[in-house]
């Protein structure tokens, strides 16, 4: 891979970065209630900092275009792919047609409305409806379930590969015995032994920060903030109060049956 230049390097402290992010969100809050909620989150993170002021500091390289390409190559070599929202919705429709519930047209209409809607307030009934559809698709074991698995794998592997490439050093990280954790890079990559000194939350925080420096796609950017299925953060729909039974012929599909309808 290409060596990482030390010319463009930033320092990163996860908790302080959280406060900076939350402060920005608070300043852009559209209602006093939202602003108050962000203020409570800021206070909670600040309390963690006050309780443990000696936070680890990470040195991160700002990736160049060539270095980003090298990162993407190694990520693909690890078998990690990230299906976009359009691919997921297409797979969801295909799996629904395979299951063939009696109200298929209504469910497809619900998916169309959700896909077309913009980000906004979330209605719990709408979330329940979407979760019912996705639960059925997962039970069917089709393309949708496989693509969700691809997303989860990408979100787990990408931070590790990002740290291998662009984490250049640290201060304040402790080994299990309480001593300063050694930092080692070989062949222009941070070693797995080095990364093992970080817990999963630290590894993800550092990795997602690095990927944020790469100007991610819109689909991926939503997950850098809060990894989750995009279908669960859409506006409510008019069809969110109908029901979903099993196949038209009454036979069971995985754990779903005509006697155990799934409410949406």
C-alpha atoms as a PDB file:
ATOM      1  CA  UNK A   1       0.000   0.000   0.000  1.00  0.00           C
ATOM      2  CA  UNK A   2       0.994   3.655  -0.252  1.00  0.00           C
ATOM      3  CA  UNK A   3       2.859   5.074   2.742  1.00  0.00           C
ATOM      4  CA  UNK A   4       0.930   7.566   4.875  1.00  0.00           C
ATOM      5  CA  UNK A   5       2.363  11.068   4.892  1.00  0.00           C
ATOM      6  CA  UNK A   6       2.664  12.742   8.285  1.00  0.00           C
ATOM      7  CA  UNK A   7       2.121  16.174   6.700  1.00  0.00           C
ATOM      8  CA  UNK A   8      -1.659  16.132   7.279  1.00  0.00           C
ATOM      9  CA  UNK A   9      -2.293  14.732  10.758  1.00  0.00           C
ATOM     10  CA  UNK A  10      -5.004  15.592  13.275  1.00  0.00           C
ATOM     11  CA  UNK A  11      -5.449  14.670  16.926  1.00  0.00           C
ATOM     12  CA  UNK A  12      -8.697  13.104  18.095  1.00  0.00           C
ATOM     13  CA  UNK A  13     -10.168  12.582  21.553  1.00  0.00           C
ATOM     14  CA  UNK A  14     -13.523  10.769  21.267  1.00  0.00           C
ATOM     15  CA  UNK A  15     -15.352  12.366  24.219  1.00  0.00           C
ATOM     16  CA  UNK A  16     -14.220  15.886  23.357  1.00  0.00           C
ATOM     17  CA  UNK A  17     -15.231  15.282  19.750  1.00  0.00           C
ATOM     18  CA  UNK A  18     -18.665  14.173  20.967  1.00  0.00           C
ATOM     19  CA  UNK A  19     -19.105  17.414  22.868  1.00  0.00           C
ATOM     20  CA  UNK A  20     -18.107  19.431  19.795  1.00  0.00           C
ATOM     21  CA  UNK A  21     -20.571  17.507  17.618  1.00  0.00           C
ATOM     22  CA  UNK A  22     -23.409  17.810  20.131  1.00  0.00           C
ATOM     23  CA  UNK A  23     -22.743  21.523  20.587  1.00  0.00           C
ATOM     24  CA  UNK A  24     -23.086  22.019  16.844  1.00  0.00           C
ATOM     25  CA  UNK A  25     -26.342  20.064  16.803  1.00  0.00           C
ATOM     26  CA  UNK A  26     -27.644  22.078  19.736  1.00  0.00           C
ATOM     27  CA  UNK A  27     -26.924  25.325  17.893  1.00  0.00           C
ATOM     28  CA  UNK A  28     -28.961  24.076  14.911  1.00  0.00           C
ATOM     29  CA  UNK A  29     -31.833  22.629  16.963  1.00  0.00           C
ATOM     30  CA  UNK A  30     -35.204  23.649  15.540  1.00  0.00           C
ATOM     31  CA  UNK A  31     -37.106  23.607  18.848  1.00  0.00           C
ATOM     32  CA  UNK A  32     -36.300  24.484  22.477  1.00  0.00           C
ATOM     33  CA  UNK A  33     -37.072  20.869  23.421  1.00  0.00           C
ATOM     34  CA  UNK A  34     -34.420  19.551  21.030  1.00  0.00           C
ATOM     35  CA  UNK A  35     -31.900  22.100  22.249  1.00  0.00           C
ATOM     36  CA  UNK A  36     -32.597  21.060  25.846  1.00  0.00           C
ATOM     37  CA  UNK A  37     -32.131  17.403  24.924  1.00  0.00           C
ATOM     38  CA  UNK A  38     -28.738  18.128  23.363  1.00  0.00           C
ATOM     39  CA  UNK A  39     -27.786  20.148  26.437  1.00  0.00           C
ATOM     40  CA  UNK A  40     -28.489  17.128  28.646  1.00  0.00           C
ATOM     41  CA  UNK A  41     -26.337  14.938  26.395  1.00  0.00           C
ATOM     42  CA  UNK A  42     -23.516  17.483  26.516  1.00  0.00           C
ATOM     43  CA  UNK A  43     -23.711  17.566  30.319  1.00  0.00           C
ATOM     44  CA  UNK A  44     -23.565  13.759  30.460  1.00  0.00           C
ATOM     45  CA  UNK A  45     -20.470  13.575  28.248  1.00  0.00           C
ATOM     46  CA  UNK A  46     -18.838  16.442  30.142  1.00  0.00           C
ATOM     47  CA  UNK A  47     -19.432  14.543  33.384  1.00  0.00           C
ATOM     48  CA  UNK A  48     -17.509  11.605  31.932  1.00  0.00           C
ATOM     49  CA  UNK A  49     -14.648  13.931  31.026  1.00  0.00           C
ATOM     50  CA  UNK A  50     -14.638  15.515  34.487  1.00  0.00           C
ATOM     51  CA  UNK A  51     -14.559  12.079  36.123  1.00  0.00           C
ATOM     52  CA  UNK A  52     -11.662  10.934  33.940  1.00  0.00           C
ATOM     53  CA  UNK A  53      -9.820  13.925  32.458  1.00  0.00           C
ATOM     54  CA  UNK A  54      -6.861  11.823  31.266  1.00  0.00           C
ATOM     55  CA  UNK A  55      -8.470  10.769  28.005  1.00  0.00           C
ATOM     56  CA  UNK A  56      -6.526   8.964  25.270  1.00  0.00           C
ATOM     57  CA  UNK A  57      -5.481  11.076  22.297  1.00  0.00           C
ATOM     58  CA  UNK A  58      -5.206   9.540  18.844  1.00  0.00           C
ATOM     59  CA  UNK A  59      -3.101  10.802  15.921  1.00  0.00           C
ATOM     60  CA  UNK A  60      -4.938  10.316  12.620  1.00  0.00           C
ATOM     61  CA  UNK A  61      -3.710  10.825   9.083  1.00  0.00           C
ATOM     62  CA  UNK A  62      -5.973  12.790   6.750  1.00  0.00           C
ATOM     63  CA  UNK A  63      -6.231  10.388   3.787  1.00  0.00           C
ATOM     64  CA  UNK A  64      -5.241  11.505   0.313  1.00  0.00           C
ATOM     65  CA  UNK A  65      -7.161  10.360  -2.773  1.00  0.00           C
ATOM     66  CA  UNK A  66      -4.647   7.571  -3.434  1.00  0.00           C
ATOM     67  CA  UNK A  67      -4.716   6.482   0.210  1.00  0.00           C
ATOM     68  CA  UNK A  68      -8.502   6.351   0.162  1.00  0.00           C
ATOM     69  CA  UNK A  69      -8.322   4.127  -2.891  1.00  0.00           C
ATOM     70  CA  UNK A  70      -5.892   1.843  -1.041  1.00  0.00           C
ATOM     71  CA  UNK A  71      -8.284   1.709   1.925  1.00  0.00           C
ATOM     72  CA  UNK A  72     -11.226   0.820  -0.346  1.00  0.00           C
ATOM     73  CA  UNK A  73      -9.173  -1.898  -2.037  1.00  0.00           C
ATOM     74  CA  UNK A  74      -8.306  -3.558   1.287  1.00  0.00           C
ATOM     75  CA  UNK A  75     -11.896  -3.192   2.486  1.00  0.00           C
ATOM     76  CA  UNK A  76     -13.164  -4.944  -0.625  1.00  0.00           C
ATOM     77  CA  UNK A  77     -10.473  -7.611  -0.252  1.00  0.00           C
ATOM     78  CA  UNK A  78     -11.855  -8.295   3.238  1.00  0.00           C
ATOM     79  CA  UNK A  79     -15.221  -9.078   1.627  1.00  0.00           C
ATOM     80  CA  UNK A  80     -16.948  -5.953   2.950  1.00  0.00           C
ATOM     81  CA  UNK A  81     -19.572  -4.318   0.729  1.00  0.00           C
ATOM     82  CA  UNK A  82     -22.160  -1.698   1.626  1.00  0.00           C
ATOM     83  CA  UNK A  83     -25.530  -2.019  -0.153  1.00  0.00           C
ATOM     84  CA  UNK A  84     -27.283   1.311  -0.558  1.00  0.00           C
ATOM     85  CA  UNK A  85     -30.843   2.103   0.475  1.00  0.00           C
ATOM     86  CA  UNK A  86     -32.171   1.601  -3.062  1.00  0.00           C
ATOM     87  CA  UNK A  87     -30.678  -1.907  -3.184  1.00  0.00           C
ATOM     88  CA  UNK A  88     -32.167  -2.794   0.192  1.00  0.00           C
ATOM     89  CA  UNK A  89     -35.643  -1.611  -0.752  1.00  0.00           C
ATOM     90  CA  UNK A  90     -35.446  -3.463  -4.062  1.00  0.00           C
ATOM     91  CA  UNK A  91     -34.463  -6.673  -2.256  1.00  0.00           C
ATOM     92  CA  UNK A  92     -37.245  -6.128   0.291  1.00  0.00           C
ATOM     93  CA  UNK A  93     -39.838  -5.877  -2.474  1.00  0.00           C
ATOM     94  CA  UNK A  94     -38.503  -9.010  -4.156  1.00  0.00           C
ATOM     95  CA  UNK A  95     -38.637 -10.999  -0.919  1.00  0.00           C
ATOM     96  CA  UNK A  96     -42.180  -9.805  -0.213  1.00  0.00           C
ATOM     97  CA  UNK A  97     -43.304 -10.943  -3.663  1.00  0.00           C
ATOM     98  CA  UNK A  98     -41.744 -14.330  -2.921  1.00  0.00           C
ATOM     99  CA  UNK A  99     -43.630 -14.639   0.390  1.00  0.00           C
ATOM    100  CA  UNK A 100     -46.752 -13.346  -1.399  1.00  0.00           C
ATOM    101  CA  UNK A 101     -48.958 -12.123   1.506  1.00  0.00           C
ATOM    102  CA  UNK A 102     -52.602 -11.392   0.699  1.00  0.00           C
ATOM    103  CA  UNK A 103     -52.068  -7.631   1.145  1.00  0.00           C
ATOM    104  CA  UNK A 104     -48.925  -7.521  -0.981  1.00  0.00           C
ATOM    105  CA  UNK A 105     -49.992  -4.402  -2.882  1.00  0.00           C
ATOM    106  CA  UNK A 106     -50.595  -2.484   0.348  1.00  0.00           C
ATOM    107  CA  UNK A 107     -47.195  -3.450   1.706  1.00  0.00           C
ATOM    108  CA  UNK A 108     -45.427  -2.488  -1.500  1.00  0.00           C
ATOM    109  CA  UNK A 109     -47.214   0.857  -1.327  1.00  0.00           C
ATOM    110  CA  UNK A 110     -45.936   1.326   2.223  1.00  0.00           C
ATOM    111  CA  UNK A 111     -42.361   0.654   1.104  1.00  0.00           C
ATOM    112  CA  UNK A 112     -42.768   3.089  -1.802  1.00  0.00           C
ATOM    113  CA  UNK A 113     -43.991   5.825   0.558  1.00  0.00           C
ATOM    114  CA  UNK A 114     -41.201   5.239   3.059  1.00  0.00           C
ATOM    115  CA  UNK A 115     -38.506   5.189   0.395  1.00  0.00           C
ATOM    116  CA  UNK A 116     -39.809   8.421  -1.107  1.00  0.00           C
ATOM    117  CA  UNK A 117     -40.086  10.233   2.216  1.00  0.00           C
ATOM    118  CA  UNK A 118     -37.388  12.488   3.604  1.00  0.00           C
ATOM    119  CA  UNK A 119     -35.802  12.224   7.044  1.00  0.00           C
ATOM    120  CA  UNK A 120     -38.147  13.541   9.719  1.00  0.00           C
ATOM    121  CA  UNK A 121     -40.062  12.790  12.894  1.00  0.00           C
ATOM    122  CA  UNK A 122     -40.547   9.077  13.448  1.00  0.00           C
ATOM    123  CA  UNK A 123     -44.005   7.667  14.187  1.00  0.00           C
ATOM    124  CA  UNK A 124     -43.747   4.516  16.363  1.00  0.00           C
ATOM    125  CA  UNK A 125     -46.605   2.913  14.423  1.00  0.00           C
ATOM    126  CA  UNK A 126     -44.730   3.455  11.173  1.00  0.00           C
ATOM    127  CA  UNK A 127     -41.587   1.957  12.679  1.00  0.00           C
ATOM    128  CA  UNK A 128     -43.550  -1.069  13.869  1.00  0.00           C
ATOM    129  CA  UNK A 129     -44.982  -1.522  10.391  1.00  0.00           C
ATOM    130  CA  UNK A 130     -41.603  -1.369   8.693  1.00  0.00           C
ATOM    131  CA  UNK A 131     -40.081  -3.684  11.267  1.00  0.00           C
ATOM    132  CA  UNK A 132     -42.891  -6.192  10.659  1.00  0.00           C
ATOM    133  CA  UNK A 133     -42.129  -6.218   6.941  1.00  0.00           C
ATOM    134  CA  UNK A 134     -38.383  -6.529   7.437  1.00  0.00           C
ATOM    135  CA  UNK A 135     -38.914  -9.249  10.052  1.00  0.00           C
ATOM    136  CA  UNK A 136     -40.874 -11.267   7.526  1.00  0.00           C
ATOM    137  CA  UNK A 137     -38.168 -10.717   4.902  1.00  0.00           C
ATOM    138  CA  UNK A 138     -35.472 -11.866   7.328  1.00  0.00           C
ATOM    139  CA  UNK A 139     -37.469 -14.972   8.196  1.00  0.00           C
ATOM    140  CA  UNK A 140     -37.721 -15.773   4.493  1.00  0.00           C
ATOM    141  CA  UNK A 141     -33.923 -15.802   4.319  1.00  0.00           C
ATOM    142  CA  UNK A 142     -33.771 -14.019   0.973  1.00  0.00           C
ATOM    143  CA  UNK A 143     -31.726 -11.215  -0.522  1.00  0.00           C
ATOM    144  CA  UNK A 144     -32.828  -8.598   2.005  1.00  0.00           C
ATOM    145  CA  UNK A 145     -31.474 -10.585   4.953  1.00  0.00           C
ATOM    146  CA  UNK A 146     -28.210 -11.187   3.103  1.00  0.00           C
ATOM    147  CA  UNK A 147     -27.831  -7.490   2.307  1.00  0.00           C
ATOM    148  CA  UNK A 148     -28.523  -6.488   5.900  1.00  0.00           C
ATOM    149  CA  UNK A 149     -25.764  -8.892   6.872  1.00  0.00           C
ATOM    150  CA  UNK A 150     -23.476  -7.244   4.319  1.00  0.00           C
ATOM    151  CA  UNK A 151     -24.161  -3.849   5.889  1.00  0.00           C
ATOM    152  CA  UNK A 152     -23.496  -5.079   9.414  1.00  0.00           C
ATOM    153  CA  UNK A 153     -20.245  -6.731   8.295  1.00  0.00           C
ATOM    154  CA  UNK A 154     -19.132  -3.544   6.522  1.00  0.00           C
ATOM    155  CA  UNK A 155     -19.883  -1.451   9.618  1.00  0.00           C
ATOM    156  CA  UNK A 156     -17.832  -3.850  11.749  1.00  0.00           C
ATOM    157  CA  UNK A 157     -14.863  -4.261   9.403  1.00  0.00           C
ATOM    158  CA  UNK A 158     -14.514  -0.751   7.942  1.00  0.00           C
ATOM    159  CA  UNK A 159     -13.382   0.916  11.217  1.00  0.00           C
ATOM    160  CA  UNK A 160     -10.719  -1.766  11.684  1.00  0.00           C
ATOM    161  CA  UNK A 161      -9.310  -1.314   8.171  1.00  0.00           C
ATOM    162  CA  UNK A 162      -9.446   2.483   8.585  1.00  0.00           C
ATOM    163  CA  UNK A 163      -7.424   2.243  11.801  1.00  0.00           C
ATOM    164  CA  UNK A 164      -4.914  -0.095  10.166  1.00  0.00           C
ATOM    165  CA  UNK A 165      -4.313   2.470   7.431  1.00  0.00           C
ATOM    166  CA  UNK A 166      -4.611   5.853   9.119  1.00  0.00           C
ATOM    167  CA  UNK A 167      -4.143   5.561  12.892  1.00  0.00           C
ATOM    168  CA  UNK A 168      -0.563   6.801  13.312  1.00  0.00           C
ATOM    169  CA  UNK A 169      -0.134   6.880  17.069  1.00  0.00           C
ATOM    170  CA  UNK A 170      -1.680   7.552  20.464  1.00  0.00           C
ATOM    171  CA  UNK A 171      -1.117   8.842  23.967  1.00  0.00           C
ATOM    172  CA  UNK A 172      -2.826   7.631  27.114  1.00  0.00           C
ATOM    173  CA  UNK A 173      -3.904   4.183  25.899  1.00  0.00           C
ATOM    174  CA  UNK A 174      -3.302   1.552  28.543  1.00  0.00           C
ATOM    175  CA  UNK A 175      -2.438  -2.121  28.221  1.00  0.00           C
ATOM    176  CA  UNK A 176      -4.235  -4.679  30.357  1.00  0.00           C
ATOM    177  CA  UNK A 177      -1.516  -4.477  33.028  1.00  0.00           C
ATOM    178  CA  UNK A 178      -1.960  -0.709  33.302  1.00  0.00           C
ATOM    179  CA  UNK A 179       1.244   0.201  31.495  1.00  0.00           C
ATOM    180  CA  UNK A 180       1.385   2.394  28.409  1.00  0.00           C
ATOM    181  CA  UNK A 181       0.208   0.364  25.431  1.00  0.00           C
ATOM    182  CA  UNK A 182       2.873   0.068  22.722  1.00  0.00           C
ATOM    183  CA  UNK A 183       2.072   1.359  19.253  1.00  0.00           C
ATOM    184  CA  UNK A 184       3.517  -0.512  16.278  1.00  0.00           C
ATOM    185  CA  UNK A 185       3.134  -0.113  12.513  1.00  0.00           C
ATOM    186  CA  UNK A 186       4.578  -2.558  10.001  1.00  0.00           C
ATOM    187  CA  UNK A 187       4.608  -2.145   6.244  1.00  0.00           C
ATOM    188  CA  UNK A 188       2.706   1.115   6.656  1.00  0.00           C
ATOM    189  CA  UNK A 189      -0.151  -0.557   8.574  1.00  0.00           C
ATOM    190  CA  UNK A 190      -0.994  -0.449  12.280  1.00  0.00           C
ATOM    191  CA  UNK A 191      -0.716  -4.010  13.544  1.00  0.00           C
ATOM    192  CA  UNK A 192      -3.593  -6.117  14.841  1.00  0.00           C
ATOM    193  CA  UNK A 193      -1.681  -6.550  18.106  1.00  0.00           C
ATOM    194  CA  UNK A 194      -1.624  -2.774  18.510  1.00  0.00           C
ATOM    195  CA  UNK A 195      -5.342  -2.397  17.798  1.00  0.00           C
ATOM    196  CA  UNK A 196      -6.120  -5.117  20.354  1.00  0.00           C
ATOM    197  CA  UNK A 197      -5.334  -2.573  23.095  1.00  0.00           C
ATOM    198  CA  UNK A 198      -8.490  -0.640  22.130  1.00  0.00           C
ATOM    199  CA  UNK A 199     -11.941  -1.726  23.226  1.00  0.00           C
ATOM    200  CA  UNK A 200     -14.635  -2.055  20.583  1.00  0.00           C
ATOM    201  CA  UNK A 201     -16.173   1.354  21.287  1.00  0.00           C
ATOM    202  CA  UNK A 202     -12.806   3.100  20.986  1.00  0.00           C
ATOM    203  CA  UNK A 203     -11.972   1.242  17.793  1.00  0.00           C
ATOM    204  CA  UNK A 204     -15.287   2.171  16.197  1.00  0.00           C
ATOM    205  CA  UNK A 205     -15.046   5.805  17.319  1.00  0.00           C
ATOM    206  CA  UNK A 206     -11.562   6.212  15.876  1.00  0.00           C
ATOM    207  CA  UNK A 207     -12.385   4.287  12.701  1.00  0.00           C
ATOM    208  CA  UNK A 208     -15.569   6.239  11.995  1.00  0.00           C
ATOM    209  CA  UNK A 209     -13.750   9.516  12.650  1.00  0.00           C
ATOM    210  CA  UNK A 210     -11.174   8.528  10.021  1.00  0.00           C
ATOM    211  CA  UNK A 211     -13.897   7.596   7.550  1.00  0.00           C
ATOM    212  CA  UNK A 212     -15.570  10.914   8.235  1.00  0.00           C
ATOM    213  CA  UNK A 213     -12.392  12.537   6.939  1.00  0.00           C
ATOM    214  CA  UNK A 214     -12.910  10.702   3.642  1.00  0.00           C
ATOM    215  CA  UNK A 215     -16.170  12.480   2.759  1.00  0.00           C
ATOM    216  CA  UNK A 216     -18.368   9.351   2.812  1.00  0.00           C
ATOM    217  CA  UNK A 217     -21.418   8.758   0.650  1.00  0.00           C
ATOM    218  CA  UNK A 218     -24.797   9.861   2.036  1.00  0.00           C
ATOM    219  CA  UNK A 219     -25.860   6.248   2.749  1.00  0.00           C
ATOM    220  CA  UNK A 220     -22.696   5.561   4.723  1.00  0.00           C
ATOM    221  CA  UNK A 221     -22.651   8.955   6.437  1.00  0.00           C
ATOM    222  CA  UNK A 222     -25.988   8.217   8.142  1.00  0.00           C
ATOM    223  CA  UNK A 223     -24.464   5.096   9.685  1.00  0.00           C
ATOM    224  CA  UNK A 224     -21.291   6.851  10.806  1.00  0.00           C
ATOM    225  CA  UNK A 225     -23.465   8.922  13.136  1.00  0.00           C
ATOM    226  CA  UNK A 226     -25.600   6.063  14.361  1.00  0.00           C
ATOM    227  CA  UNK A 227     -25.287   2.701  12.663  1.00  0.00           C
ATOM    228  CA  UNK A 228     -28.830   1.466  12.057  1.00  0.00           C
ATOM    229  CA  UNK A 229     -31.221   0.381   9.369  1.00  0.00           C
ATOM    230  CA  UNK A 230     -32.280   3.435   7.384  1.00  0.00           C
ATOM    231  CA  UNK A 231     -35.857   2.199   7.101  1.00  0.00           C
ATOM    232  CA  UNK A 232     -36.325   2.787  10.832  1.00  0.00           C
ATOM    233  CA  UNK A 233     -35.845   6.557  10.637  1.00  0.00           C
ATOM    234  CA  UNK A 234     -38.388   7.619   8.055  1.00  0.00           C
ATOM    235  CA  UNK A 235     -41.548   9.706   8.210  1.00  0.00           C
ATOM    236  CA  UNK A 236     -44.841   8.018   9.141  1.00  0.00           C
ATOM    237  CA  UNK A 237     -47.087   6.661   6.415  1.00  0.00           C
ATOM    238  CA  UNK A 238     -50.839   6.329   5.967  1.00  0.00           C
ATOM    239  CA  UNK A 239     -50.668   2.556   5.636  1.00  0.00           C
ATOM    240  CA  UNK A 240     -48.911   1.908   8.930  1.00  0.00           C
ATOM    241  CA  UNK A 241     -51.948   0.497  10.724  1.00  0.00           C
ATOM    242  CA  UNK A 242     -52.746  -2.505   8.481  1.00  0.00           C
ATOM    243  CA  UNK A 243     -51.873  -6.165   9.054  1.00  0.00           C
ATOM    244  CA  UNK A 244     -49.571  -8.682   7.429  1.00  0.00           C
ATOM    245  CA  UNK A 245     -50.434 -12.392   7.490  1.00  0.00           C
ATOM    246  CA  UNK A 246     -48.445 -15.172   5.877  1.00  0.00           C
ATOM    247  CA  UNK A 247     -48.729 -16.563   2.351  1.00  0.00           C
ATOM    248  CA  UNK A 248     -51.977 -16.538   0.430  1.00  0.00           C
ATOM    249  CA  UNK A 249     -52.212 -20.320   0.546  1.00  0.00           C
ATOM    250  CA  UNK A 250     -52.152 -20.279   4.381  1.00  0.00           C
ATOM    251  CA  UNK A 251     -48.898 -22.234   4.641  1.00  0.00           C
ATOM    252  CA  UNK A 252     -46.239 -21.073   7.054  1.00  0.00           C
ATOM    253  CA  UNK A 253     -43.193 -19.022   6.134  1.00  0.00           C
ATOM    254  CA  UNK A 254     -40.473 -19.532   8.744  1.00  0.00           C
ATOM    255  CA  UNK A 255     -42.099 -18.466  12.030  1.00  0.00           C
ATOM    256  CA  UNK A 256     -44.925 -16.526  10.337  1.00  0.00           C
ATOM    257  CA  UNK A 257     -48.333 -18.140   9.803  1.00  0.00           C
ATOM    258  CA  UNK A 258     -51.906 -17.155   8.987  1.00  0.00           C
ATOM    259  CA  UNK A 259     -52.821 -17.770  12.640  1.00  0.00           C
ATOM    260  CA  UNK A 260     -50.069 -15.413  13.861  1.00  0.00           C
ATOM    261  CA  UNK A 261     -50.458 -12.224  11.821  1.00  0.00           C
ATOM    262  CA  UNK A 262     -47.830  -9.539  12.057  1.00  0.00           C
ATOM    263  CA  UNK A 263     -49.393  -6.171  12.803  1.00  0.00           C
ATOM    264  CA  UNK A 264     -48.072  -3.104  11.077  1.00  0.00           C
END
